[in-house]
C-alpha atoms as a PDB file:
ATOM      1  CA  MET A   1    -139.039  25.162  64.456  1.00  0.00           C
ATOM      2  CA  THR A   2    -141.599  22.444  64.775  1.00  0.00           C
ATOM      3  CA  ARG A   3    -141.387  19.732  67.440  1.00  0.00           C
ATOM      4  CA  ASP A   4    -140.824  17.075  64.745  1.00  0.00           C
ATOM      5  CA  SER A   5    -137.848  18.921  63.239  1.00  0.00           C
ATOM      6  CA  HIS A   6    -136.244  19.379  66.658  1.00  0.00           C
ATOM      7  CA  ALA A   7    -136.589  15.689  67.399  1.00  0.00           C
ATOM      8  CA  LYS A   8    -134.965  14.729  64.122  1.00  0.00           C
ATOM      9  CA  ASN A   9    -131.976  17.017  64.702  1.00  0.00           C
ATOM     10  CA  THR A  10    -131.524  15.745  68.211  1.00  0.00           C
ATOM     11  CA  GLY A  11    -131.526  12.124  67.020  1.00  0.00           C
ATOM     12  CA  PHE A  12    -129.017  12.893  64.302  1.00  0.00           C
ATOM     13  CA  LEU A  13    -126.577  14.533  66.689  1.00  0.00           C
ATOM     14  CA  ARG A  14    -126.870  11.667  69.189  1.00  0.00           C
ATOM     15  CA  ALA A  15    -126.167   9.092  66.477  1.00  0.00           C
ATOM     16  CA  HIS A  16    -123.155  11.090  65.278  1.00  0.00           C
ATOM     17  CA  ARG A  17    -121.679  11.239  68.769  1.00  0.00           C
ATOM     18  CA  LEU A  18    -122.164   7.506  69.215  1.00  0.00           C
ATOM     19  CA  ARG A  19    -120.325   6.758  65.972  1.00  0.00           C
ATOM     20  CA  ALA A  20    -117.491   9.073  66.956  1.00  0.00           C
ATOM     21  CA  ALA A  21    -117.235   7.403  70.346  1.00  0.00           C
ATOM     22  CA  GLY A  22    -117.198   4.002  68.666  1.00  0.00           C
ATOM     23  CA  VAL A  23    -114.369   5.030  66.361  1.00  0.00           C
ATOM     24  CA  ALA A  24    -112.412   6.348  69.321  1.00  0.00           C
ATOM     25  CA  CYS A  25    -112.889   3.092  71.210  1.00  0.00           C
ATOM     26  CA  VAL A  26    -111.724   1.096  68.226  1.00  0.00           C
ATOM     27  CA  ALA A  27    -108.625   3.280  67.887  1.00  0.00           C
ATOM     28  CA  LEU A  28    -107.897   3.007  71.594  1.00  0.00           C
ATOM     29  CA  SER A  29    -108.279  -0.767  71.509  1.00  0.00           C
ATOM     30  CA  ALA A  30    -105.915  -1.032  68.560  1.00  0.00           C
ATOM     31  CA  ALA A  31    -103.372   1.101  70.369  1.00  0.00           C
ATOM     32  CA  LEU A  32    -103.637  -1.044  73.467  1.00  0.00           C
ATOM     33  CA  LEU A  33    -103.230  -4.233  71.461  1.00  0.00           C
ATOM     34  CA  THR A  34    -100.188  -2.822  69.672  1.00  0.00           C
ATOM     35  CA  GLY A  35     -98.636  -1.794  72.972  1.00  0.00           C
ATOM     36  CA  CYS A  36     -99.270  -5.216  74.480  1.00  0.00           C
ATOM     37  CA  GLY A  37     -97.745  -6.919  71.460  1.00  0.00           C
ATOM     38  CA  GLN A  38     -94.633  -4.798  71.676  1.00  0.00           C
ATOM     39  CA  ASP A  39     -94.269  -5.431  75.413  1.00  0.00           C
ATOM     40  CA  SER A  40     -94.701  -9.156  74.881  1.00  0.00           C
ATOM     41  CA  GLY A  41     -92.087  -9.204  72.124  1.00  0.00           C
ATOM     42  CA  THR A  42     -89.643  -7.196  74.169  1.00  0.00           C
ATOM     43  CA  SER A  43     -90.190  -9.428  77.197  1.00  0.00           C
ATOM     44  CA  THR A  44     -89.714 -12.584  75.109  1.00  0.00           C
ATOM     45  CA  THR A  45     -86.542 -11.210  73.521  1.00  0.00           C
ATOM     46  CA  THR A  46     -85.162 -10.239  76.918  1.00  0.00           C
ATOM     47  CA  LYS A  47     -85.892 -13.662  78.401  1.00  0.00           C
ATOM     48  CA  THR A  48     -84.312 -15.374  75.392  1.00  0.00           C
ATOM     49  CA  SER A  49     -81.155 -13.267  75.722  1.00  0.00           C
ATOM     50  CA  GLU A  50     -80.940 -13.996  79.432  1.00  0.00           C
ATOM     51  CA  ALA A  51     -81.351 -17.727  78.787  1.00  0.00           C
ATOM     52  CA  ALA A  52     -78.656 -17.638  76.125  1.00  0.00           C
ATOM     53  CA  ARG A  53     -76.273 -15.965  78.527  1.00  0.00           C
ATOM     54  CA  ALA A  54     -77.062 -18.574  81.183  1.00  0.00           C
ATOM     55  CA  VAL A  55     -76.074 -21.524  78.932  1.00  0.00           C
ATOM     56  CA  PRO A  56     -72.243 -21.996  78.725  1.00  0.00           C
ATOM     57  CA  GLU A  57     -70.634 -22.261  75.334  1.00  0.00           C
ATOM     58  CA  ALA A  58     -69.604 -25.725  74.193  1.00  0.00           C
ATOM     59  CA  THR A  59     -65.966 -26.565  74.954  1.00  0.00           C
ATOM     60  CA  THR A  60     -63.443 -28.637  72.994  1.00  0.00           C
ATOM     61  CA  SER A  61     -61.962 -30.489  75.990  1.00  0.00           C
ATOM     62  CA  PRO A  62     -61.079 -34.144  75.191  1.00  0.00           C
ATOM     63  CA  SER A  63     -63.226 -36.867  76.641  1.00  0.00           C
ATOM     64  CA  PRO A  64     -61.754 -39.316  79.206  1.00  0.00           C
ATOM     65  CA  SER A  65     -61.403 -41.883  76.454  1.00  0.00           C
ATOM     66  CA  GLY A  66     -59.558 -39.476  74.210  1.00  0.00           C
ATOM     67  CA  SER A  67     -55.881 -38.596  74.142  1.00  0.00           C
ATOM     68  CA  GLU A  68     -55.440 -38.073  77.884  1.00  0.00           C
ATOM     69  CA  SER A  69     -52.326 -39.653  79.349  1.00  0.00           C
ATOM     70  CA  ALA A  70     -52.582 -42.857  81.359  1.00  0.00           C
ATOM     71  CA  SER A  71     -53.309 -42.580  85.054  1.00  0.00           C
ATOM     72  CA  PRO A  72     -50.316 -42.820  87.425  1.00  0.00           C
ATOM     73  CA  GLY A  73     -51.495 -46.196  88.698  1.00  0.00           C
ATOM     74  CA  GLN A  74     -51.497 -47.830  85.273  1.00  0.00           C
ATOM     75  CA  MET A  75     -48.629 -50.242  84.553  1.00  0.00           C
ATOM     76  CA  THR A  76     -46.287 -49.794  81.632  1.00  0.00           C
ATOM     77  CA  GLU A  77     -45.902 -52.490  78.996  1.00  0.00           C
ATOM     78  CA  ASP A  78     -42.611 -53.659  80.527  1.00  0.00           C
ATOM     79  CA  GLN A  79     -44.138 -53.845  83.995  1.00  0.00           C
ATOM     80  CA  GLN A  80     -47.077 -55.871  82.685  1.00  0.00           C
ATOM     81  CA  GLU A  81     -44.693 -58.297  80.969  1.00  0.00           C
ATOM     82  CA  ARG A  82     -42.708 -58.736  84.183  1.00  0.00           C
ATOM     83  CA  LYS A  83     -45.899 -59.354  86.140  1.00  0.00           C
ATOM     84  CA  ASP A  84     -47.132 -61.972  83.658  1.00  0.00           C
ATOM     85  CA  LEU A  85     -43.739 -63.711  83.539  1.00  0.00           C
ATOM     86  CA  ILE A  86     -43.164 -63.861  87.291  1.00  0.00           C
ATOM     87  CA  SER A  87     -46.768 -64.829  88.048  1.00  0.00           C
ATOM     88  CA  ALA A  88     -46.412 -67.848  85.752  1.00  0.00           C
ATOM     89  CA  THR A  89     -43.081 -68.955  87.293  1.00  0.00           C
ATOM     90  CA  LYS A  90     -42.987 -71.666  89.977  1.00  0.00           C
ATOM     91  CA  VAL A  91     -39.239 -72.391  90.158  1.00  0.00           C
ATOM     92  CA  THR A  92     -37.116 -69.887  92.086  1.00  0.00           C
ATOM     93  CA  TYR A  93     -33.720 -68.651  90.951  1.00  0.00           C
ATOM     94  CA  ASP A  94     -31.783 -70.703  93.530  1.00  0.00           C
ATOM     95  CA  LYS A  95     -33.418 -73.949  92.427  1.00  0.00           C
ATOM     96  CA  ALA A  96     -32.680 -73.035  88.819  1.00  0.00           C
ATOM     97  CA  VAL A  97     -29.001 -72.510  89.719  1.00  0.00           C
ATOM     98  CA  THR A  98     -28.798 -75.948  91.333  1.00  0.00           C
ATOM     99  CA  THR A  99     -30.573 -77.617  88.402  1.00  0.00           C
ATOM    100  CA  ALA A 100     -28.385 -75.934  85.795  1.00  0.00           C
ATOM    101  CA  GLU A 101     -25.137 -76.891  87.540  1.00  0.00           C
ATOM    102  CA  GLY A 102     -26.422 -80.437  87.932  1.00  0.00           C
ATOM    103  CA  ALA A 103     -27.041 -80.708  84.189  1.00  0.00           C
ATOM    104  CA  VAL A 104     -23.298 -80.412  83.451  1.00  0.00           C
ATOM    105  CA  LYS A 105     -21.010 -82.297  85.836  1.00  0.00           C
ATOM    106  CA  GLY A 106     -18.525 -80.134  87.742  1.00  0.00           C
ATOM    107  CA  SER A 107     -19.840 -76.891  86.248  1.00  0.00           C
ATOM    108  CA  LYS A 108     -20.528 -73.519  87.837  1.00  0.00           C
ATOM    109  CA  LEU A 109     -23.224 -71.068  86.875  1.00  0.00           C
ATOM    110  CA  ILE A 110     -22.044 -67.818  85.314  1.00  0.00           C
ATOM    111  CA  GLU A 111     -25.327 -66.499  83.906  1.00  0.00           C
ATOM    112  CA  LEU A 112     -29.045 -66.998  84.549  1.00  0.00           C
ATOM    113  CA  GLU A 113     -32.114 -65.203  83.209  1.00  0.00           C
ATOM    114  CA  LEU A 114     -35.859 -65.740  83.443  1.00  0.00           C
ATOM    115  CA  LYS A 115     -37.416 -65.523  79.986  1.00  0.00           C
ATOM    116  CA  SER A 116     -40.746 -66.052  78.299  1.00  0.00           C
ATOM    117  CA  ALA A 117     -41.082 -69.129  76.112  1.00  0.00           C
ATOM    118  CA  GLU A 118     -40.917 -66.964  73.004  1.00  0.00           C
ATOM    119  CA  ASP A 119     -37.749 -65.150  74.063  1.00  0.00           C
ATOM    120  CA  ALA A 120     -36.158 -68.434  75.140  1.00  0.00           C
ATOM    121  CA  ALA A 121     -36.914 -69.931  71.728  1.00  0.00           C
ATOM    122  CA  ASP A 122     -35.312 -66.931  70.016  1.00  0.00           C
ATOM    123  CA  ASP A 123     -32.280 -67.300  72.280  1.00  0.00           C
ATOM    124  CA  GLU A 124     -31.965 -70.978  71.399  1.00  0.00           C
ATOM    125  CA  SER A 125     -32.258 -70.379  67.662  1.00  0.00           C
ATOM    126  CA  ALA A 126     -29.590 -67.652  67.864  1.00  0.00           C
ATOM    127  CA  SER A 127     -27.064 -69.893  69.642  1.00  0.00           C
ATOM    128  CA  PRO A 128     -24.018 -70.631  67.432  1.00  0.00           C
ATOM    129  CA  SER A 129     -23.979 -74.291  66.407  1.00  0.00           C
ATOM    130  CA  PRO A 130     -24.548 -75.870  69.834  1.00  0.00           C
ATOM    131  CA  SER A 131     -23.807 -79.526  70.413  1.00  0.00           C
ATOM    132  CA  PRO A 132     -25.942 -81.598  72.805  1.00  0.00           C
ATOM    133  CA  THR A 133     -24.395 -82.276  76.216  1.00  0.00           C
ATOM    134  CA  GLY A 134     -25.480 -83.471  79.628  1.00  0.00           C
ATOM    135  CA  SER A 135     -28.231 -85.902  80.430  1.00  0.00           C
ATOM    136  CA  PRO A 136     -30.977 -84.665  78.077  1.00  0.00           C
ATOM    137  CA  SER A 137     -30.617 -86.182  74.627  1.00  0.00           C
ATOM    138  CA  PRO A 138     -31.780 -84.503  71.400  1.00  0.00           C
ATOM    139  CA  THR A 139     -34.478 -87.123  70.952  1.00  0.00           C
ATOM    140  CA  GLY A 140     -35.367 -87.698  74.595  1.00  0.00           C
ATOM    141  CA  SER A 141     -36.026 -84.094  75.589  1.00  0.00           C
ATOM    142  CA  PRO A 142     -38.421 -81.560  74.147  1.00  0.00           C
ATOM    143  CA  SER A 143     -36.830 -79.488  71.414  1.00  0.00           C
ATOM    144  CA  PRO A 144     -36.632 -75.684  71.768  1.00  0.00           C
ATOM    145  CA  THR A 145     -39.704 -75.431  69.569  1.00  0.00           C
ATOM    146  CA  GLY A 146     -41.601 -78.141  71.436  1.00  0.00           C
ATOM    147  CA  SER A 147     -44.480 -77.826  73.867  1.00  0.00           C
ATOM    148  CA  ALA A 148     -42.313 -76.738  76.808  1.00  0.00           C
ATOM    149  CA  MET A 149     -40.761 -73.932  74.797  1.00  0.00           C
ATOM    150  CA  ALA A 150     -44.134 -72.874  73.443  1.00  0.00           C
ATOM    151  CA  GLY A 151     -45.837 -72.478  76.817  1.00  0.00           C
ATOM    152  CA  SER A 152     -43.973 -72.228  80.102  1.00  0.00           C
ATOM    153  CA  PRO A 153     -41.499 -69.504  81.044  1.00  0.00           C
ATOM    154  CA  GLN A 154     -37.911 -70.695  81.269  1.00  0.00           C
ATOM    155  CA  TRP A 155     -34.744 -70.152  83.182  1.00  0.00           C
ATOM    156  CA  VAL A 156     -32.007 -69.855  80.573  1.00  0.00           C
ATOM    157  CA  ALA A 157     -28.675 -70.602  82.232  1.00  0.00           C
ATOM    158  CA  THR A 158     -25.056 -70.597  81.151  1.00  0.00           C
ATOM    159  CA  VAL A 159     -22.736 -72.858  83.129  1.00  0.00           C
ATOM    160  CA  ALA A 160     -19.023 -73.388  82.645  1.00  0.00           C
ATOM    161  CA  ALA A 161     -17.083 -76.586  83.120  1.00  0.00           C
ATOM    162  CA  LYS A 162     -13.688 -76.642  84.846  1.00  0.00           C
ATOM    163  CA  THR A 163     -12.080 -76.266  81.421  1.00  0.00           C
ATOM    164  CA  GLY A 164     -13.997 -73.043  80.809  1.00  0.00           C
ATOM    165  CA  ALA A 165     -16.272 -74.626  78.209  1.00  0.00           C
ATOM    166  CA  LYS A 166     -19.700 -72.967  78.326  1.00  0.00           C
ATOM    167  CA  HIS A 167     -22.978 -74.868  78.189  1.00  0.00           C
ATOM    168  CA  LYS A 168     -26.451 -73.414  77.689  1.00  0.00           C
ATOM    169  CA  VAL A 169     -29.145 -75.029  79.834  1.00  0.00           C
ATOM    170  CA  HIS A 170     -32.887 -74.387  79.403  1.00  0.00           C
ATOM    171  CA  ILE A 171     -35.044 -75.170  82.443  1.00  0.00           C
ATOM    172  CA  ASP A 172     -38.829 -75.220  82.547  1.00  0.00           C
ATOM    173  CA  ALA A 173     -39.681 -72.536  85.119  1.00  0.00           C
ATOM    174  CA  VAL A 174     -42.908 -74.322  86.084  1.00  0.00           C
ATOM    175  CA  SER A 175     -41.878 -77.975  86.394  1.00  0.00           C
ATOM    176  CA  GLY A 176     -38.167 -77.424  87.050  1.00  0.00           C
ATOM    177  CA  LYS A 177     -37.171 -79.998  84.422  1.00  0.00           C
ATOM    178  CA  VAL A 178     -34.230 -79.536  82.074  1.00  0.00           C
ATOM    179  CA  ILE A 179     -35.518 -78.904  78.558  1.00  0.00           C
ATOM    180  CA  SER A 180     -32.154 -78.890  76.801  1.00  0.00           C
ATOM    181  CA  SER A 181     -28.438 -78.653  77.526  1.00  0.00           C
ATOM    182  CA  THR A 182     -25.986 -77.751  74.767  1.00  0.00           C
ATOM    183  CA  GLU A 183     -22.308 -76.824  74.587  1.00  0.00           C
ATOM    184  CA  ASP A 184     -21.154 -73.736  72.751  1.00  0.00           C
ATOM    185  CA  ALA A 185     -19.041 -75.244  69.980  1.00  0.00           C
ATOM    186  CA  ASP A 186     -17.571 -71.914  68.845  1.00  0.00           C
ATOM    187  CA  GLN A 187     -15.500 -71.097  71.940  1.00  0.00           C
ATOM    188  CA  SER A 188     -11.837 -70.352  71.406  1.00  0.00           C
ATOM    189  CA  THR A 189      -9.049 -71.369  73.755  1.00  0.00           C
ATOM    190  CA  SER A 190      -8.670 -67.760  74.909  1.00  0.00           C
ATOM    191  CA  ASP A 191     -12.413 -67.544  75.615  1.00  0.00           C
ATOM    192  CA  LYS A 192     -12.229 -70.625  77.822  1.00  0.00           C
ATOM    193  CA  ALA A 193      -9.157 -69.289  79.634  1.00  0.00           C
ATOM    194  CA  LYS A 194     -10.972 -66.003  80.335  1.00  0.00           C
ATOM    195  CA  THR A 195     -13.946 -67.892  81.740  1.00  0.00           C
ATOM    196  CA  VAL A 196     -11.725 -69.983  84.020  1.00  0.00           C
ATOM    197  CA  LYS A 197     -10.031 -66.794  85.275  1.00  0.00           C
ATOM    198  CA  ARG A 198     -13.386 -65.203  86.136  1.00  0.00           C
ATOM    199  CA  MET A 199     -14.623 -68.282  87.968  1.00  0.00           C
ATOM    200  CA  THR A 200     -11.413 -68.379  90.001  1.00  0.00           C
ATOM    201  CA  GLU A 201     -11.609 -64.691  90.950  1.00  0.00           C
ATOM    202  CA  ALA A 202     -15.297 -64.813  91.891  1.00  0.00           C
ATOM    203  CA  LYS A 203     -15.383 -65.479  95.631  1.00  0.00           C
ATOM    204  CA  GLN A 204     -19.119 -64.840  95.819  1.00  0.00           C
ATOM    205  CA  THR A 205     -21.537 -67.459  94.494  1.00  0.00           C
ATOM    206  CA  PRO A 206     -24.608 -66.418  92.482  1.00  0.00           C
ATOM    207  CA  GLN A 207     -26.698 -67.190  95.565  1.00  0.00           C
ATOM    208  CA  ASP A 208     -24.500 -64.825  97.624  1.00  0.00           C
ATOM    209  CA  ALA A 209     -24.985 -62.063  95.060  1.00  0.00           C
ATOM    210  CA  ALA A 210     -28.750 -62.563  95.041  1.00  0.00           C
ATOM    211  CA  LYS A 211     -28.908 -62.344  98.836  1.00  0.00           C
ATOM    212  CA  ALA A 212     -26.899 -59.114  98.799  1.00  0.00           C
ATOM    213  CA  ALA A 213     -29.301 -57.585  96.284  1.00  0.00           C
ATOM    214  CA  LEU A 214     -32.400 -58.781  98.151  1.00  0.00           C
ATOM    215  CA  ALA A 215     -31.049 -57.236 101.334  1.00  0.00           C
ATOM    216  CA  LYS A 216     -31.358 -53.877  99.570  1.00  0.00           C
ATOM    217  CA  LYS A 217     -34.740 -54.490  97.958  1.00  0.00           C
ATOM    218  CA  LYS A 218     -37.252 -57.242  98.572  1.00  0.00           C
ATOM    219  CA  GLY A 219     -38.501 -58.846  95.400  1.00  0.00           C
ATOM    220  CA  THR A 220     -37.908 -61.597  92.860  1.00  0.00           C
ATOM    221  CA  VAL A 221     -34.492 -62.307  91.362  1.00  0.00           C
ATOM    222  CA  THR A 222     -34.867 -62.620  87.591  1.00  0.00           C
ATOM    223  CA  SER A 223     -31.279 -62.405  86.353  1.00  0.00           C
ATOM    224  CA  LEU A 224     -27.668 -63.075  87.406  1.00  0.00           C
ATOM    225  CA  ASP A 225     -24.623 -62.440  85.237  1.00  0.00           C
ATOM    226  CA  LEU A 226     -20.915 -62.697  86.083  1.00  0.00           C
ATOM    227  CA  ASP A 227     -19.185 -59.927  84.140  1.00  0.00           C
ATOM    228  CA  ASP A 228     -16.791 -56.968  84.329  1.00  0.00           C
ATOM    229  CA  ASN A 229     -18.212 -53.486  84.869  1.00  0.00           C
ATOM    230  CA  ASP A 230     -16.916 -50.325  83.181  1.00  0.00           C
ATOM    231  CA  GLN A 231     -14.233 -49.946  85.842  1.00  0.00           C
ATOM    232  CA  GLY A 232     -12.945 -53.464  85.235  1.00  0.00           C
ATOM    233  CA  THR A 233     -14.321 -54.853  88.500  1.00  0.00           C
ATOM    234  CA  LEU A 234     -15.699 -58.379  88.359  1.00  0.00           C
ATOM    235  CA  ILE A 235     -19.333 -58.199  89.420  1.00  0.00           C
ATOM    236  CA  TRP A 236     -22.514 -60.184  89.615  1.00  0.00           C
ATOM    237  CA  LYS A 237     -25.072 -58.072  87.748  1.00  0.00           C
ATOM    238  CA  THR A 238     -28.313 -58.956  89.525  1.00  0.00           C
ATOM    239  CA  ASP A 239     -31.884 -57.972  88.586  1.00  0.00           C
ATOM    240  CA  VAL A 240     -34.597 -57.778  91.242  1.00  0.00           C
ATOM    241  CA  VAL A 241     -38.258 -57.082  90.402  1.00  0.00           C
ATOM    242  CA  THR A 242     -40.233 -55.510  93.251  1.00  0.00           C
ATOM    243  CA  LYS A 243     -43.974 -55.675  93.992  1.00  0.00           C
ATOM    244  CA  ASP A 244     -44.663 -52.630  91.818  1.00  0.00           C
ATOM    245  CA  TRP A 245     -43.107 -54.633  88.930  1.00  0.00           C
ATOM    246  CA  LYS A 246     -40.214 -52.221  88.514  1.00  0.00           C
ATOM    247  CA  LYS A 247     -36.757 -53.709  87.950  1.00  0.00           C
ATOM    248  CA  THR A 248     -33.651 -52.719  89.884  1.00  0.00           C
ATOM    249  CA  THR A 249     -30.227 -53.835  88.667  1.00  0.00           C
ATOM    250  CA  PHE A 250     -27.521 -54.270  91.299  1.00  0.00           C
ATOM    251  CA  ASP A 251     -23.800 -54.565  90.620  1.00  0.00           C
ATOM    252  CA  ILE A 252     -22.474 -56.861  93.353  1.00  0.00           C
ATOM    253  CA  ASP A 253     -18.708 -57.047  93.769  1.00  0.00           C
ATOM    254  CA  ALA A 254     -17.870 -60.693  93.049  1.00  0.00           C
ATOM    255  CA  SER A 255     -14.933 -60.666  95.455  1.00  0.00           C
ATOM    256  CA  ASN A 256     -16.538 -59.270  98.628  1.00  0.00           C
ATOM    257  CA  GLY A 257     -20.315 -59.068  98.006  1.00  0.00           C
ATOM    258  CA  SER A 258     -20.634 -55.295  98.376  1.00  0.00           C
ATOM    259  CA  VAL A 259     -23.104 -53.307  96.268  1.00  0.00           C
ATOM    260  CA  VAL A 260     -21.068 -51.032  94.008  1.00  0.00           C
ATOM    261  CA  HIS A 261     -23.976 -49.691  91.953  1.00  0.00           C
ATOM    262  CA  GLN A 262     -27.735 -49.940  91.624  1.00  0.00           C
ATOM    263  CA  GLU A 263     -30.204 -48.538  89.116  1.00  0.00           C
ATOM    264  CA  THR A 264     -34.003 -48.801  88.902  1.00  0.00           C
ATOM    265  CA  ASP A 265     -35.845 -49.098  85.606  1.00  0.00           C
ATOM    266  CA  ASN A 266     -39.146 -47.231  86.071  1.00  0.00           C
ATOM    267  CA  ASP A 267     -40.566 -48.405  82.726  1.00  0.00           C
END
C-alpha cells in the first residue's frame, strides 16, 4: 500500500470516529435534558401538593354580623324601653302620688303607672266616656293628644273619692303638672262599694308599699296597684326597675306591708 492510500484510510477512520462521538454526545445531552425536565416536573408537582395541603379548606362559619345570637351584655327591647322611659322622667313616684291625690279633693291613690306618651294616649282614648273633673278644664289643659301627650312620659294615676268614684289623672312626668283629670262615668254602685271596701282594708299607703319593695331591691318604682292576688289577699302590686333595667314585681300585703311574692322579668 502506498503512503498516500494509508493516509486517506487513516483520515477516513478518524472522521468516522469523530462523527460517532458527536452522535453519542448529542444522545447523552438529550437524555440529560429529559432527566432534568422530569425531575423539575416532579419537584414542582410535589411542592404544589405540599402547598395545597398546607392551605386549610374554606369553612362555612357565619360571620360576626350574621345570624349569631346577641352578646350577653346587650339589652333586650323591653329593657331598652325601660331605660329610655326612666331616663326621660324627672318626677318620682311619690311626688306623682301627691299630685294625683291633690287633683281630686279627698281622694286616695289606688293605681299608678309610668307610661310613654304614646301608651298614655292609647290609655286615654280607651277610657270609657270620661267626664272632666278636678281643677284642669277641658279647654284650659292640654288634651290627651296635645303637646304634653305627644312628648313627655306620664304618670297615669287612678284615684278614688270617698264615695268610691274613680278618677283618672294624667301627670307630666317631666314638669309634674296635671295634664288631665277625668271621672269614670261608667262605674256601677257595686263597683264603687268594692273600691271603698278596698281603701278601708288597706292599712298600708302606696308610699309604704314602695318602701317595702325598695328595701328588697334598690331601683325605680314604676307602678303601684291596689288589687287582690290569686289567694284573695289585698296587695299593693309594685314594680321596681333596677340598674340593669330588669323589672321585679313585688306583692306587698296591704294590711301589714310584708312581701308575699316577688318575680323578676328578665326580658
